């Protein structure tokens, strides 16, 4: 079973932590669109990172909250989760 964060899970976290509805397919289809263009600020990202750290009982690589795009965020988070799984 993979712990990798998906676009759908990220969209759900954005809704619950930042209060913004984002179409997961749009995130997948438009990887260069920034969080800012979706209306998500740095505090929203901090909330998402905190939730992920709680769920997975691990520290997410520093810088995830500074990701500019959902694609970049998924890369950073999934690398952190893969590192934990390999530990």
PDB file of N, CA and C in Angstrom:
ATOM      1  N   UNK A   1       0.836  -1.166   0.000  1.00  0.00           N
ATOM      2  CA  UNK A   1       0.000   0.000   0.000  1.00  0.00           C
ATOM      3  C   UNK A   1       0.893   1.245   0.000  1.00  0.00           C
ATOM      4  N   UNK A   2       0.539   2.194  -0.832  1.00  0.00           N
ATOM      5  CA  UNK A   2       1.329   3.411  -0.963  1.00  0.00           C
ATOM      6  C   UNK A   2       0.805   4.491  -0.031  1.00  0.00           C
ATOM      7  N   UNK A   3       1.733   5.222   0.553  1.00  0.00           N
ATOM      8  CA  UNK A   3       1.376   6.372   1.379  1.00  0.00           C
ATOM      9  C   UNK A   3       1.410   7.653   0.572  1.00  0.00           C
ATOM     10  N   UNK A   4       1.652   7.557  -0.736  1.00  0.00           N
ATOM     11  CA  UNK A   4       1.796   8.739  -1.571  1.00  0.00           C
ATOM     12  C   UNK A   4       0.526   9.580  -1.549  1.00  0.00           C
ATOM     13  N   UNK A   5       0.725  10.878  -1.398  1.00  0.00           N
ATOM     14  CA  UNK A   5      -0.375  11.832  -1.415  1.00  0.00           C
ATOM     15  C   UNK A   5      -0.805  12.049  -2.859  1.00  0.00           C
ATOM     16  N   UNK A   6      -2.100  11.984  -3.108  1.00  0.00           N
ATOM     17  CA  UNK A   6      -2.642  12.163  -4.454  1.00  0.00           C
ATOM     18  C   UNK A   6      -3.240  13.560  -4.607  1.00  0.00           C
ATOM     19  N   UNK A   7      -3.537  13.909  -5.838  1.00  0.00           N
ATOM     20  CA  UNK A   7      -4.201  15.182  -6.100  1.00  0.00           C
ATOM     21  C   UNK A   7      -5.556  15.246  -5.387  1.00  0.00           C
ATOM     22  N   UNK A   8      -6.285  14.136  -5.383  1.00  0.00           N
ATOM     23  CA  UNK A   8      -7.592  14.114  -4.723  1.00  0.00           C
ATOM     24  C   UNK A   8      -7.462  14.340  -3.223  1.00  0.00           C
ATOM     25  N   UNK A   9      -6.476  13.692  -2.603  1.00  0.00           N
ATOM     26  CA  UNK A   9      -6.265  13.885  -1.162  1.00  0.00           C
ATOM     27  C   UNK A   9      -5.812  15.306  -0.862  1.00  0.00           C
ATOM     28  N   UNK A  10      -4.958  15.855  -1.720  1.00  0.00           N
ATOM     29  CA  UNK A  10      -4.514  17.230  -1.530  1.00  0.00           C
ATOM     30  C   UNK A  10      -5.699  18.187  -1.654  1.00  0.00           C
ATOM     31  N   UNK A  11      -6.558  17.973  -2.633  1.00  0.00           N
ATOM     32  CA  UNK A  11      -7.741  18.824  -2.794  1.00  0.00           C
ATOM     33  C   UNK A  11      -8.623  18.763  -1.554  1.00  0.00           C
ATOM     34  N   UNK A  12      -8.768  17.578  -0.972  1.00  0.00           N
ATOM     35  CA  UNK A  12      -9.557  17.422   0.249  1.00  0.00           C
ATOM     36  C   UNK A  12      -8.917  18.181   1.410  1.00  0.00           C
ATOM     37  N   UNK A  13      -7.595  18.081   1.544  1.00  0.00           N
ATOM     38  CA  UNK A  13      -6.888  18.814   2.597  1.00  0.00           C
ATOM     39  C   UNK A  13      -7.007  20.321   2.404  1.00  0.00           C
ATOM     40  N   UNK A  14      -6.936  20.767   1.172  1.00  0.00           N
ATOM     41  CA  UNK A  14      -7.082  22.197   0.892  1.00  0.00           C
ATOM     42  C   UNK A  14      -8.465  22.661   1.330  1.00  0.00           C
ATOM     43  N   UNK A  15      -9.471  21.859   1.051  1.00  0.00           N
ATOM     44  CA  UNK A  15     -10.843  22.214   1.443  1.00  0.00           C
ATOM     45  C   UNK A  15     -10.970  22.285   2.961  1.00  0.00           C
ATOM     46  N   UNK A  16     -10.463  21.289   3.667  1.00  0.00           N
ATOM     47  CA  UNK A  16     -10.642  21.257   5.121  1.00  0.00           C
ATOM     48  C   UNK A  16      -9.718  22.214   5.857  1.00  0.00           C
ATOM     49  N   UNK A  17      -8.507  22.424   5.360  1.00  0.00           N
ATOM     50  CA  UNK A  17      -7.529  23.247   6.070  1.00  0.00           C
ATOM     51  C   UNK A  17      -7.484  24.694   5.615  1.00  0.00           C
ATOM     52  N   UNK A  18      -7.805  24.952   4.337  1.00  0.00           N
ATOM     53  CA  UNK A  18      -7.738  26.321   3.825  1.00  0.00           C
ATOM     54  C   UNK A  18      -9.112  26.859   3.440  1.00  0.00           C
ATOM     55  N   UNK A  19     -10.128  25.974   3.433  1.00  0.00           N
ATOM     56  CA  UNK A  19     -11.483  26.406   3.125  1.00  0.00           C
ATOM     57  C   UNK A  19     -11.712  26.749   1.668  1.00  0.00           C
ATOM     58  N   UNK A  20     -10.882  26.213   0.790  1.00  0.00           N
ATOM     59  CA  UNK A  20     -10.980  26.514  -0.637  1.00  0.00           C
ATOM     60  C   UNK A  20     -11.216  25.220  -1.403  1.00  0.00           C
ATOM     61  N   UNK A  21     -12.194  25.251  -2.286  1.00  0.00           N
ATOM     62  CA  UNK A  21     -12.479  24.086  -3.113  1.00  0.00           C
ATOM     63  C   UNK A  21     -11.639  24.146  -4.378  1.00  0.00           C
ATOM     64  N   UNK A  22     -10.868  23.096  -4.599  1.00  0.00           N
ATOM     65  CA  UNK A  22     -10.007  22.996  -5.769  1.00  0.00           C
ATOM     66  C   UNK A  22     -10.312  21.664  -6.449  1.00  0.00           C
ATOM     67  N   UNK A  23     -10.456  21.695  -7.755  1.00  0.00           N
ATOM     68  CA  UNK A  23     -10.693  20.477  -8.527  1.00  0.00           C
ATOM     69  C   UNK A  23      -9.384  19.697  -8.646  1.00  0.00           C
ATOM     70  N   UNK A  24      -9.349  18.472  -8.129  1.00  0.00           N
ATOM     71  CA  UNK A  24      -8.097  17.707  -8.193  1.00  0.00           C
ATOM     72  C   UNK A  24      -7.650  17.440  -9.625  1.00  0.00           C
ATOM     73  N   UNK A  25      -8.585  17.293 -10.523  1.00  0.00           N
ATOM     74  CA  UNK A  25      -8.214  17.050 -11.924  1.00  0.00           C
ATOM     75  C   UNK A  25      -7.559  18.288 -12.534  1.00  0.00           C
ATOM     76  N   UNK A  26      -8.031  19.468 -12.144  1.00  0.00           N
ATOM     77  CA  UNK A  26      -7.418  20.704 -12.628  1.00  0.00           C
ATOM     78  C   UNK A  26      -5.973  20.806 -12.134  1.00  0.00           C
ATOM     79  N   UNK A  27      -5.737  20.417 -10.876  1.00  0.00           N
ATOM     80  CA  UNK A  27      -4.368  20.427 -10.361  1.00  0.00           C
ATOM     81  C   UNK A  27      -3.484  19.477 -11.163  1.00  0.00           C
ATOM     82  N   UNK A  28      -4.023  18.314 -11.491  1.00  0.00           N
ATOM     83  CA  UNK A  28      -3.253  17.322 -12.235  1.00  0.00           C
ATOM     84  C   UNK A  28      -3.008  17.775 -13.679  1.00  0.00           C
ATOM     85  N   UNK A  29      -4.018  18.381 -14.280  1.00  0.00           N
ATOM     86  CA  UNK A  29      -3.923  18.786 -15.682  1.00  0.00           C
ATOM     87  C   UNK A  29      -3.107  20.052 -15.897  1.00  0.00           C
ATOM     88  N   UNK A  30      -2.984  20.867 -14.856  1.00  0.00           N
ATOM     89  CA  UNK A  30      -2.284  22.152 -14.966  1.00  0.00           C
ATOM     90  C   UNK A  30      -1.195  22.248 -13.891  1.00  0.00           C
ATOM     91  N   UNK A  31      -0.124  21.472 -14.035  1.00  0.00           N
ATOM     92  CA  UNK A  31       0.883  21.384 -12.985  1.00  0.00           C
ATOM     93  C   UNK A  31       1.655  22.671 -12.704  1.00  0.00           C
ATOM     94  N   UNK A  32       1.604  23.643 -13.599  1.00  0.00           N
ATOM     95  CA  UNK A  32       2.345  24.881 -13.364  1.00  0.00           C
ATOM     96  C   UNK A  32       1.501  25.969 -12.701  1.00  0.00           C
ATOM     97  N   UNK A  33       0.212  25.715 -12.490  1.00  0.00           N
ATOM     98  CA  UNK A  33      -0.630  26.694 -11.813  1.00  0.00           C
ATOM     99  C   UNK A  33      -0.216  26.758 -10.350  1.00  0.00           C
ATOM    100  N   UNK A  34      -0.051  27.952  -9.839  1.00  0.00           N
ATOM    101  CA  UNK A  34       0.442  28.130  -8.474  1.00  0.00           C
ATOM    102  C   UNK A  34      -0.685  28.037  -7.447  1.00  0.00           C
ATOM    103  N   UNK A  35      -0.287  27.775  -6.216  1.00  0.00           N
ATOM    104  CA  UNK A  35      -1.251  27.796  -5.118  1.00  0.00           C
ATOM    105  C   UNK A  35      -1.919  29.165  -5.049  1.00  0.00           C
ATOM    106  N   UNK A  36      -1.139  30.207  -5.274  1.00  0.00           N
ATOM    107  CA  UNK A  36      -1.677  31.567  -5.229  1.00  0.00           C
ATOM    108  C   UNK A  36      -2.818  31.740  -6.239  1.00  0.00           C
ATOM    109  N   UNK A  37      -2.657  31.172  -7.417  1.00  0.00           N
ATOM    110  CA  UNK A  37      -3.715  31.259  -8.431  1.00  0.00           C
ATOM    111  C   UNK A  37      -4.978  30.518  -7.994  1.00  0.00           C
ATOM    112  N   UNK A  38      -4.799  29.491  -7.178  1.00  0.00           N
ATOM    113  CA  UNK A  38      -5.957  28.775  -6.631  1.00  0.00           C
ATOM    114  C   UNK A  38      -6.540  29.499  -5.420  1.00  0.00           C
ATOM    115  N   UNK A  39      -5.837  30.511  -4.911  1.00  0.00           N
ATOM    116  CA  UNK A  39      -6.304  31.262  -3.751  1.00  0.00           C
ATOM    117  C   UNK A  39      -5.811  30.725  -2.424  1.00  0.00           C
ATOM    118  N   UNK A  40      -4.755  29.924  -2.459  1.00  0.00           N
ATOM    119  CA  UNK A  40      -4.224  29.303  -1.252  1.00  0.00           C
ATOM    120  C   UNK A  40      -2.958  30.043  -0.829  1.00  0.00           C
ATOM    121  N   UNK A  41      -2.945  30.507   0.414  1.00  0.00           N
ATOM    122  CA  UNK A  41      -1.787  31.257   0.902  1.00  0.00           C
ATOM    123  C   UNK A  41      -0.871  30.366   1.740  1.00  0.00           C
ATOM    124  N   UNK A  42       0.205  30.963   2.231  1.00  0.00           N
ATOM    125  CA  UNK A  42       1.201  30.200   2.988  1.00  0.00           C
ATOM    126  C   UNK A  42       0.631  29.632   4.283  1.00  0.00           C
ATOM    127  N   UNK A  43      -0.301  30.326   4.911  1.00  0.00           N
ATOM    128  CA  UNK A  43      -0.914  29.795   6.134  1.00  0.00           C
ATOM    129  C   UNK A  43      -1.745  28.543   5.829  1.00  0.00           C
ATOM    130  N   UNK A  44      -2.421  28.554   4.698  1.00  0.00           N
ATOM    131  CA  UNK A  44      -3.163  27.364   4.282  1.00  0.00           C
ATOM    132  C   UNK A  44      -2.237  26.181   4.083  1.00  0.00           C
ATOM    133  N   UNK A  45      -1.092  26.433   3.452  1.00  0.00           N
ATOM    134  CA  UNK A  45      -0.122  25.355   3.247  1.00  0.00           C
ATOM    135  C   UNK A  45       0.448  24.852   4.564  1.00  0.00           C
ATOM    136  N   UNK A  46       0.694  25.772   5.492  1.00  0.00           N
ATOM    137  CA  UNK A  46       1.180  25.341   6.812  1.00  0.00           C
ATOM    138  C   UNK A  46       0.181  24.411   7.492  1.00  0.00           C
ATOM    139  N   UNK A  47      -1.084  24.733   7.381  1.00  0.00           N
ATOM    140  CA  UNK A  47      -2.119  23.874   7.957  1.00  0.00           C
ATOM    141  C   UNK A  47      -2.151  22.502   7.326  1.00  0.00           C
ATOM    142  N   UNK A  48      -1.956  22.461   6.017  1.00  0.00           N
ATOM    143  CA  UNK A  48      -1.942  21.186   5.291  1.00  0.00           C
ATOM    144  C   UNK A  48      -0.729  20.355   5.710  1.00  0.00           C
ATOM    145  N   UNK A  49       0.433  20.995   5.795  1.00  0.00           N
ATOM    146  CA  UNK A  49       1.648  20.290   6.221  1.00  0.00           C
ATOM    147  C   UNK A  49       1.466  19.747   7.636  1.00  0.00           C
ATOM    148  N   UNK A  50       0.924  20.559   8.525  1.00  0.00           N
ATOM    149  CA  UNK A  50       0.689  20.104   9.898  1.00  0.00           C
ATOM    150  C   UNK A  50      -0.234  18.901   9.956  1.00  0.00           C
ATOM    151  N   UNK A  51      -1.288  18.934   9.175  1.00  0.00           N
ATOM    152  CA  UNK A  51      -2.222  17.793   9.136  1.00  0.00           C
ATOM    153  C   UNK A  51      -1.521  16.541   8.626  1.00  0.00           C
ATOM    154  N   UNK A  52      -0.715  16.675   7.579  1.00  0.00           N
ATOM    155  CA  UNK A  52       0.012  15.522   7.042  1.00  0.00           C
ATOM    156  C   UNK A  52       1.015  14.968   8.049  1.00  0.00           C
ATOM    157  N   UNK A  53       1.697  15.858   8.768  1.00  0.00           N
ATOM    158  CA  UNK A  53       2.643  15.389   9.779  1.00  0.00           C
ATOM    159  C   UNK A  53       1.921  14.630  10.887  1.00  0.00           C
ATOM    160  N   UNK A  54       0.755  15.090  11.274  1.00  0.00           N
ATOM    161  CA  UNK A  54      -0.031  14.382  12.289  1.00  0.00           C
ATOM    162  C   UNK A  54      -0.521  13.034  11.782  1.00  0.00           C
ATOM    163  N   UNK A  55      -1.030  13.005  10.573  1.00  0.00           N
ATOM    164  CA  UNK A  55      -1.551  11.754   9.994  1.00  0.00           C
ATOM    165  C   UNK A  55      -0.489  10.683   9.850  1.00  0.00           C
ATOM    166  N   UNK A  56       0.693  11.107   9.433  1.00  0.00           N
ATOM    167  CA  UNK A  56       1.747  10.135   9.108  1.00  0.00           C
ATOM    168  C   UNK A  56       2.809  10.017  10.193  1.00  0.00           C
ATOM    169  N   UNK A  57       2.619  10.745  11.286  1.00  0.00           N
ATOM    170  CA  UNK A  57       3.552  10.702  12.419  1.00  0.00           C
ATOM    171  C   UNK A  57       5.001  10.856  11.956  1.00  0.00           C
ATOM    172  N   UNK A  58       5.196  11.830  11.093  1.00  0.00           N
ATOM    173  CA  UNK A  58       6.536  12.106  10.594  1.00  0.00           C
ATOM    174  C   UNK A  58       6.652  13.580  10.243  1.00  0.00           C
ATOM    175  N   UNK A  59       7.861  14.040  10.212  1.00  0.00           N
ATOM    176  CA  UNK A  59       8.127  15.421   9.821  1.00  0.00           C
ATOM    177  C   UNK A  59       8.201  15.473   8.299  1.00  0.00           C
ATOM    178  N   UNK A  60       7.483  16.415   7.718  1.00  0.00           N
ATOM    179  CA  UNK A  60       7.540  16.619   6.276  1.00  0.00           C
ATOM    180  C   UNK A  60       8.725  17.535   5.997  1.00  0.00           C
ATOM    181  N   UNK A  61       9.465  17.221   4.960  1.00  0.00           N
ATOM    182  CA  UNK A  61      10.652  17.982   4.599  1.00  0.00           C
ATOM    183  C   UNK A  61      10.397  19.484   4.658  1.00  0.00           C
ATOM    184  N   UNK A  62      11.291  20.167   5.321  1.00  0.00           N
ATOM    185  CA  UNK A  62      11.196  21.631   5.384  1.00  0.00           C
ATOM    186  C   UNK A  62      11.137  22.174   3.965  1.00  0.00           C
ATOM    187  N   UNK A  63      10.286  23.118   3.766  1.00  0.00           N
ATOM    188  CA  UNK A  63      10.146  23.704   2.442  1.00  0.00           C
ATOM    189  C   UNK A  63       8.862  23.316   1.747  1.00  0.00           C
ATOM    190  N   UNK A  64       8.190  22.284   2.243  1.00  0.00           N
ATOM    191  CA  UNK A  64       6.929  21.887   1.611  1.00  0.00           C
ATOM    192  C   UNK A  64       5.947  23.047   1.638  1.00  0.00           C
ATOM    193  N   UNK A  65       5.943  23.780   2.749  1.00  0.00           N
ATOM    194  CA  UNK A  65       5.016  24.905   2.874  1.00  0.00           C
ATOM    195  C   UNK A  65       5.421  26.082   1.997  1.00  0.00           C
ATOM    196  N   UNK A  66       6.602  26.011   1.401  1.00  0.00           N
ATOM    197  CA  UNK A  66       7.046  27.076   0.496  1.00  0.00           C
ATOM    198  C   UNK A  66       6.904  26.669  -0.963  1.00  0.00           C
ATOM    199  N   UNK A  67       6.314  25.521  -1.220  1.00  0.00           N
ATOM    200  CA  UNK A  67       6.090  25.074  -2.596  1.00  0.00           C
ATOM    201  C   UNK A  67       5.187  26.065  -3.312  1.00  0.00           C
ATOM    202  N   UNK A  68       5.505  26.318  -4.556  1.00  0.00           N
ATOM    203  CA  UNK A  68       4.708  27.273  -5.333  1.00  0.00           C
ATOM    204  C   UNK A  68       3.531  26.615  -6.038  1.00  0.00           C
ATOM    205  N   UNK A  69       3.660  25.349  -6.381  1.00  0.00           N
ATOM    206  CA  UNK A  69       2.598  24.666  -7.122  1.00  0.00           C
ATOM    207  C   UNK A  69       2.199  23.377  -6.417  1.00  0.00           C
ATOM    208  N   UNK A  70       0.984  22.901  -6.674  1.00  0.00           N
ATOM    209  CA  UNK A  70       0.596  21.606  -6.116  1.00  0.00           C
ATOM    210  C   UNK A  70       1.524  20.477  -6.561  1.00  0.00           C
ATOM    211  N   UNK A  71       1.988  20.519  -7.809  1.00  0.00           N
ATOM    212  CA  UNK A  71       2.890  19.467  -8.293  1.00  0.00           C
ATOM    213  C   UNK A  71       4.186  19.452  -7.482  1.00  0.00           C
ATOM    214  N   UNK A  72       4.733  20.621  -7.231  1.00  0.00           N
ATOM    215  CA  UNK A  72       5.949  20.732  -6.427  1.00  0.00           C
ATOM    216  C   UNK A  72       5.685  20.246  -5.000  1.00  0.00           C
ATOM    217  N   UNK A  73       4.559  20.624  -4.441  1.00  0.00           N
ATOM    218  CA  UNK A  73       4.181  20.209  -3.094  1.00  0.00           C
ATOM    219  C   UNK A  73       4.084  18.691  -3.012  1.00  0.00           C
ATOM    220  N   UNK A  74       3.398  18.076  -3.989  1.00  0.00           N
ATOM    221  CA  UNK A  74       3.257  16.617  -3.990  1.00  0.00           C
ATOM    222  C   UNK A  74       4.614  15.935  -4.084  1.00  0.00           C
ATOM    223  N   UNK A  75       5.515  16.480  -4.900  1.00  0.00           N
ATOM    224  CA  UNK A  75       6.852  15.896  -5.019  1.00  0.00           C
ATOM    225  C   UNK A  75       7.584  15.919  -3.679  1.00  0.00           C
ATOM    226  N   UNK A  76       7.555  17.064  -3.003  1.00  0.00           N
ATOM    227  CA  UNK A  76       8.257  17.210  -1.724  1.00  0.00           C
ATOM    228  C   UNK A  76       7.638  16.297  -0.657  1.00  0.00           C
ATOM    229  N   UNK A  77       6.325  16.333  -0.551  1.00  0.00           N
ATOM    230  CA  UNK A  77       5.638  15.529   0.469  1.00  0.00           C
ATOM    231  C   UNK A  77       5.837  14.044   0.201  1.00  0.00           C
ATOM    232  N   UNK A  78       5.673  13.625  -1.029  1.00  0.00           N
ATOM    233  CA  UNK A  78       5.802  12.195  -1.334  1.00  0.00           C
ATOM    234  C   UNK A  78       7.234  11.705  -1.157  1.00  0.00           C
ATOM    235  N   UNK A  79       8.216  12.561  -1.402  1.00  0.00           N
ATOM    236  CA  UNK A  79       9.607  12.186  -1.128  1.00  0.00           C
ATOM    237  C   UNK A  79       9.814  11.994   0.370  1.00  0.00           C
ATOM    238  N   UNK A  80       9.212  12.875   1.182  1.00  0.00           N
ATOM    239  CA  UNK A  80       9.315  12.741   2.646  1.00  0.00           C
ATOM    240  C   UNK A  80       8.659  11.445   3.115  1.00  0.00           C
ATOM    241  N   UNK A  81       7.484  11.153   2.575  1.00  0.00           N
ATOM    242  CA  UNK A  81       6.765   9.949   2.985  1.00  0.00           C
ATOM    243  C   UNK A  81       7.510   8.687   2.529  1.00  0.00           C
ATOM    244  N   UNK A  82       8.127   8.739   1.348  1.00  0.00           N
ATOM    245  CA  UNK A  82       8.883   7.586   0.858  1.00  0.00           C
ATOM    246  C   UNK A  82      10.118   7.348   1.728  1.00  0.00           C
ATOM    247  N   UNK A  83      10.753   8.430   2.164  1.00  0.00           N
ATOM    248  CA  UNK A  83      11.924   8.319   3.035  1.00  0.00           C
ATOM    249  C   UNK A  83      11.533   7.658   4.351  1.00  0.00           C
ATOM    250  N   UNK A  84      10.386   8.056   4.894  1.00  0.00           N
ATOM    251  CA  UNK A  84       9.908   7.458   6.146  1.00  0.00           C
ATOM    252  C   UNK A  84       9.622   5.974   5.936  1.00  0.00           C
ATOM    253  N   UNK A  85       8.992   5.636   4.815  1.00  0.00           N
ATOM    254  CA  UNK A  85       8.623   4.246   4.548  1.00  0.00           C
ATOM    255  C   UNK A  85       9.873   3.363   4.389  1.00  0.00           C
ATOM    256  N   UNK A  86      10.948   3.954   3.883  1.00  0.00           N
ATOM    257  CA  UNK A  86      12.183   3.193   3.684  1.00  0.00           C
ATOM    258  C   UNK A  86      13.052   3.114   4.923  1.00  0.00           C
ATOM    259  N   UNK A  87      12.691   3.877   5.946  1.00  0.00           N
ATOM    260  CA  UNK A  87      13.515   3.916   7.169  1.00  0.00           C
ATOM    261  C   UNK A  87      13.347   2.673   8.003  1.00  0.00           C
TER     262      UNK A  87
END
